[in-house]
Amino acid sequence: MGSEDGFLSSALTLITFLLILIVTCVEGQYQVIGSPKTVTAAPGDDVILTCRLEPELNLAERTVEWLKPDLPPDPRDQLKGEEYVSLYRHYKEDPNMQMEAYRGRTMLFKDGLNHGNISLKIFNVSEEDEGRYRCYIPMLKGWTQSSIVSLIIEAKPAKTGTTETPLDPRNHQAPKEESDGLKI
């Protein structure tokens, strides 16, 4: 019986040690969390792509990157590095590394960076802005350094008070009404 007690005691000690190790490793781990819902907007709208860091951390002195991961590389320039939707580093946004299509149309919430908010506002969206966006904090100690936020651009429905009859595709005219020989 003595060897069984020794084995049980050793096993409990090992399990206790592993639990303490896991709790210690989890503590202080950061996670980038993007909006789980797809953002939908119409052309011309301003949108906010929500992304934050948990637990909260002052990110004002960190690098924050927003990219479109599904864009193919430019075949004309094989040496070109990453192009960013938005790049924040050295306490400011860096327009020199930003994709031309987004220059002057994006904004990070600078006060929010102090509290882990890395949400991106895009002004005057167009159909070309549709897609997946990746918010990323390089050199972050944590489980998840990035998250994906999706944006869909849909045209606003026309507001009319009447219902229109569709054109007949054979002759591009409105369909003729048939009656019992009476013209109304």
Protein backbone atom coordinates (compact mmCIF):
# COMPACT_ATOMS: atom_id res chain seq x y z
CA MET A 1 0.00 0.00 0.00
CA GLY A 2 2.90 2.35 0.62
CA SER A 3 3.89 2.48 -3.05
CA GLU A 4 0.31 3.26 -4.11
CA ASP A 5 0.16 6.17 -1.64
CA GLY A 6 3.49 7.45 -2.94
CA PHE A 7 2.29 7.21 -6.54
CA LEU A 8 -1.01 8.96 -5.70
CA SER A 9 0.84 11.70 -3.83
CA SER A 10 3.24 12.20 -6.76
CA ALA A 11 0.36 12.30 -9.26
CA LEU A 12 -1.53 14.90 -7.19
CA THR A 13 1.63 16.98 -6.87
CA LEU A 14 2.15 16.83 -10.63
CA ILE A 15 -1.48 17.79 -11.36
CA THR A 16 -1.29 20.69 -8.89
CA PHE A 17 1.94 21.90 -10.49
CA LEU A 18 0.42 21.73 -14.00
CA LEU A 19 -2.69 23.66 -12.91
CA ILE A 20 -0.54 26.38 -11.35
CA LEU A 21 1.56 26.52 -14.53
CA ILE A 22 -1.53 26.84 -16.75
CA VAL A 23 -3.07 29.59 -14.60
CA THR A 24 0.25 31.46 -14.56
CA CYS A 25 0.58 31.20 -18.36
CA VAL A 26 -2.97 32.38 -18.98
CA GLU A 27 -2.60 35.38 -16.72
CA GLY A 28 -1.29 38.38 -18.69
CA GLN A 29 -2.22 36.91 -22.07
CA TYR A 30 -3.87 39.35 -24.46
CA GLN A 31 -6.44 38.68 -27.10
CA VAL A 32 -7.40 40.85 -30.10
CA ILE A 33 -11.17 40.65 -30.57
CA GLY A 34 -12.94 41.88 -33.69
CA SER A 35 -16.65 42.23 -34.24
CA PRO A 36 -18.19 38.78 -34.75
CA LYS A 37 -20.94 40.33 -36.87
CA THR A 38 -20.44 41.35 -40.48
CA VAL A 39 -20.59 45.13 -40.94
CA THR A 40 -23.04 46.15 -43.68
CA ALA A 41 -23.05 49.61 -45.26
CA ALA A 42 -24.18 51.41 -48.39
CA PRO A 43 -21.88 53.27 -50.79
CA GLY A 44 -21.06 56.68 -49.36
CA ASP A 45 -21.57 55.64 -45.72
CA ASP A 46 -18.96 55.92 -43.00
CA VAL A 47 -18.31 52.66 -41.11
CA ILE A 48 -16.53 51.59 -37.95
CA LEU A 49 -14.76 48.23 -37.98
CA THR A 50 -14.77 47.32 -34.30
CA CYS A 51 -11.68 45.71 -32.80
CA ARG A 52 -10.32 45.77 -29.25
CA LEU A 53 -7.72 44.23 -26.99
CA GLU A 54 -8.66 42.26 -23.88
CA PRO A 55 -7.63 42.67 -21.18
CA GLU A 56 -7.36 46.41 -21.72
CA LEU A 57 -3.87 47.76 -22.41
CA ASN A 58 -2.56 51.19 -23.43
CA LEU A 59 -1.62 50.75 -27.10
CA ALA A 60 -0.56 54.35 -27.82
CA GLU A 61 3.10 53.32 -28.05
CA ARG A 62 2.49 50.05 -29.92
CA THR A 63 2.14 49.30 -33.63
CA VAL A 64 -1.41 48.69 -34.88
CA GLU A 65 -1.96 47.36 -38.41
CA TRP A 66 -5.16 47.09 -40.47
CA LEU A 67 -4.82 45.04 -43.68
CA LYS A 68 -7.03 43.44 -46.33
CA PRO A 69 -5.68 39.88 -46.32
CA ASP A 70 -7.59 38.78 -49.43
CA LEU A 71 -6.00 41.31 -51.77
CA PRO A 72 -3.61 39.68 -54.24
CA PRO A 73 -0.07 41.09 -54.39
CA ASP A 74 0.65 43.64 -57.09
CA PRO A 75 2.17 41.60 -59.98
CA ARG A 76 3.95 44.72 -61.30
CA ASP A 77 5.93 45.18 -58.09
CA GLN A 78 7.25 41.93 -56.59
CA LEU A 79 9.53 43.77 -54.15
CA LYS A 80 6.77 45.84 -52.60
CA GLY A 81 6.11 45.10 -48.93
CA GLU A 82 2.79 45.07 -47.10
CA GLU A 83 0.30 47.72 -48.00
CA TYR A 84 -1.91 48.78 -45.16
CA VAL A 85 -5.44 50.04 -44.93
CA SER A 86 -4.09 51.82 -41.83
CA LEU A 87 -0.76 51.66 -40.03
CA TYR A 88 -0.22 53.27 -36.63
CA ARG A 89 3.30 53.38 -35.21
CA HIS A 90 5.56 55.81 -33.37
CA TYR A 91 2.47 57.50 -31.84
CA LYS A 92 0.90 58.40 -35.20
CA GLU A 93 -0.67 57.01 -38.35
CA ASP A 94 1.77 56.44 -41.22
CA PRO A 95 0.20 57.50 -44.55
CA ASN A 96 3.37 56.59 -46.49
CA MET A 97 2.68 52.87 -45.94
CA GLN A 98 -1.05 53.18 -46.56
CA MET A 99 -2.81 51.94 -49.68
CA GLU A 100 -3.60 54.85 -51.99
CA ALA A 101 -7.32 54.01 -52.01
CA TYR A 102 -7.55 54.58 -48.23
CA ARG A 103 -5.43 57.73 -47.84
CA GLY A 104 -7.45 60.44 -46.15
CA ARG A 105 -10.40 58.07 -45.58
CA THR A 106 -9.42 56.20 -42.40
CA MET A 107 -9.09 57.09 -38.75
CA LEU A 108 -8.14 55.28 -35.56
CA PHE A 109 -9.62 56.54 -32.32
CA LYS A 110 -6.46 57.92 -30.70
CA ASP A 111 -8.05 58.33 -27.24
CA GLY A 112 -9.37 54.78 -27.53
CA LEU A 113 -5.87 53.39 -28.11
CA ASN A 114 -5.12 54.23 -24.47
CA HIS A 115 -7.82 51.72 -23.48
CA GLY A 116 -7.20 48.92 -26.01
CA ASN A 117 -9.67 50.18 -28.66
CA ILE A 118 -8.15 49.64 -32.11
CA SER A 119 -11.38 50.18 -34.08
CA LEU A 120 -10.99 51.70 -37.54
CA LYS A 121 -13.33 54.24 -39.11
CA ILE A 122 -13.52 54.29 -42.91
CA PHE A 123 -15.17 57.32 -44.50
CA ASN A 124 -17.20 57.30 -47.72
CA VAL A 125 -17.08 53.55 -48.40
CA SER A 126 -17.44 52.18 -51.91
CA GLU A 127 -17.94 48.71 -53.39
CA GLU A 128 -14.15 48.35 -53.64
CA ASP A 129 -13.96 48.51 -49.83
CA GLU A 130 -15.98 45.32 -49.43
CA GLY A 131 -14.09 42.37 -47.97
CA ARG A 132 -12.27 41.05 -44.95
CA TYR A 133 -10.11 43.31 -42.79
CA ARG A 134 -7.47 42.12 -40.35
CA CYS A 135 -6.65 44.14 -37.23
CA TYR A 136 -3.24 43.10 -35.94
CA ILE A 137 -0.92 44.04 -33.10
CA PRO A 138 2.59 42.71 -33.82
CA MET A 139 4.83 41.68 -30.92
CA LEU A 140 1.85 41.22 -28.61
CA LYS A 141 2.29 38.65 -25.87
CA GLY A 142 -0.90 36.69 -26.08
CA TRP A 143 -3.03 34.01 -27.59
CA THR A 144 -4.47 36.06 -30.41
CA GLN A 145 -2.56 38.90 -32.06
CA SER A 146 -5.14 39.55 -34.77
CA SER A 147 -8.80 39.30 -35.66
CA ILE A 148 -10.85 39.49 -38.87
CA VAL A 149 -13.75 41.90 -39.42
CA SER A 150 -15.91 41.57 -42.56
CA LEU A 151 -17.50 44.45 -44.49
CA ILE A 152 -20.31 44.11 -47.04
CA ILE A 153 -21.37 47.02 -49.25
CA GLU A 154 -25.01 46.95 -50.38
CA ALA A 155 -26.80 49.57 -52.43
CA LYS A 156 -29.60 51.39 -50.63
CA PRO A 157 -33.01 50.45 -52.01
CA ALA A 158 -34.68 53.21 -54.00
CA LYS A 159 -37.48 54.87 -52.07
CA THR A 160 -40.56 55.15 -54.26
CA GLY A 161 -44.21 55.32 -53.38
CA THR A 162 -45.33 53.29 -56.39
CA THR A 163 -44.78 49.78 -57.63
CA GLU A 164 -43.58 49.61 -61.21
CA THR A 165 -44.50 46.91 -63.69
CA PRO A 166 -41.37 45.26 -65.13
CA LEU A 167 -40.66 45.60 -68.81
CA ASP A 168 -41.38 42.71 -71.15
CA PRO A 169 -37.83 41.57 -72.11
CA ARG A 170 -38.88 40.61 -75.67
CA ASN A 171 -39.81 44.08 -76.83
CA HIS A 172 -38.71 46.32 -73.93
CA GLN A 173 -42.21 47.68 -73.50
CA ALA A 174 -44.61 47.44 -70.64
CA PRO A 175 -46.82 44.33 -70.94
CA LYS A 176 -50.20 44.84 -72.59
CA GLU A 177 -53.30 44.42 -70.49
CA GLU A 178 -55.88 42.00 -71.82
CA SER A 179 -59.59 42.39 -71.09
CA ASP A 180 -62.90 41.15 -72.46
CA GLY A 181 -62.63 43.24 -75.60
CA LEU A 182 -63.17 46.51 -73.75
CA LYS A 183 -60.44 49.12 -73.73
CA ILE A 184 -60.21 50.80 -70.44
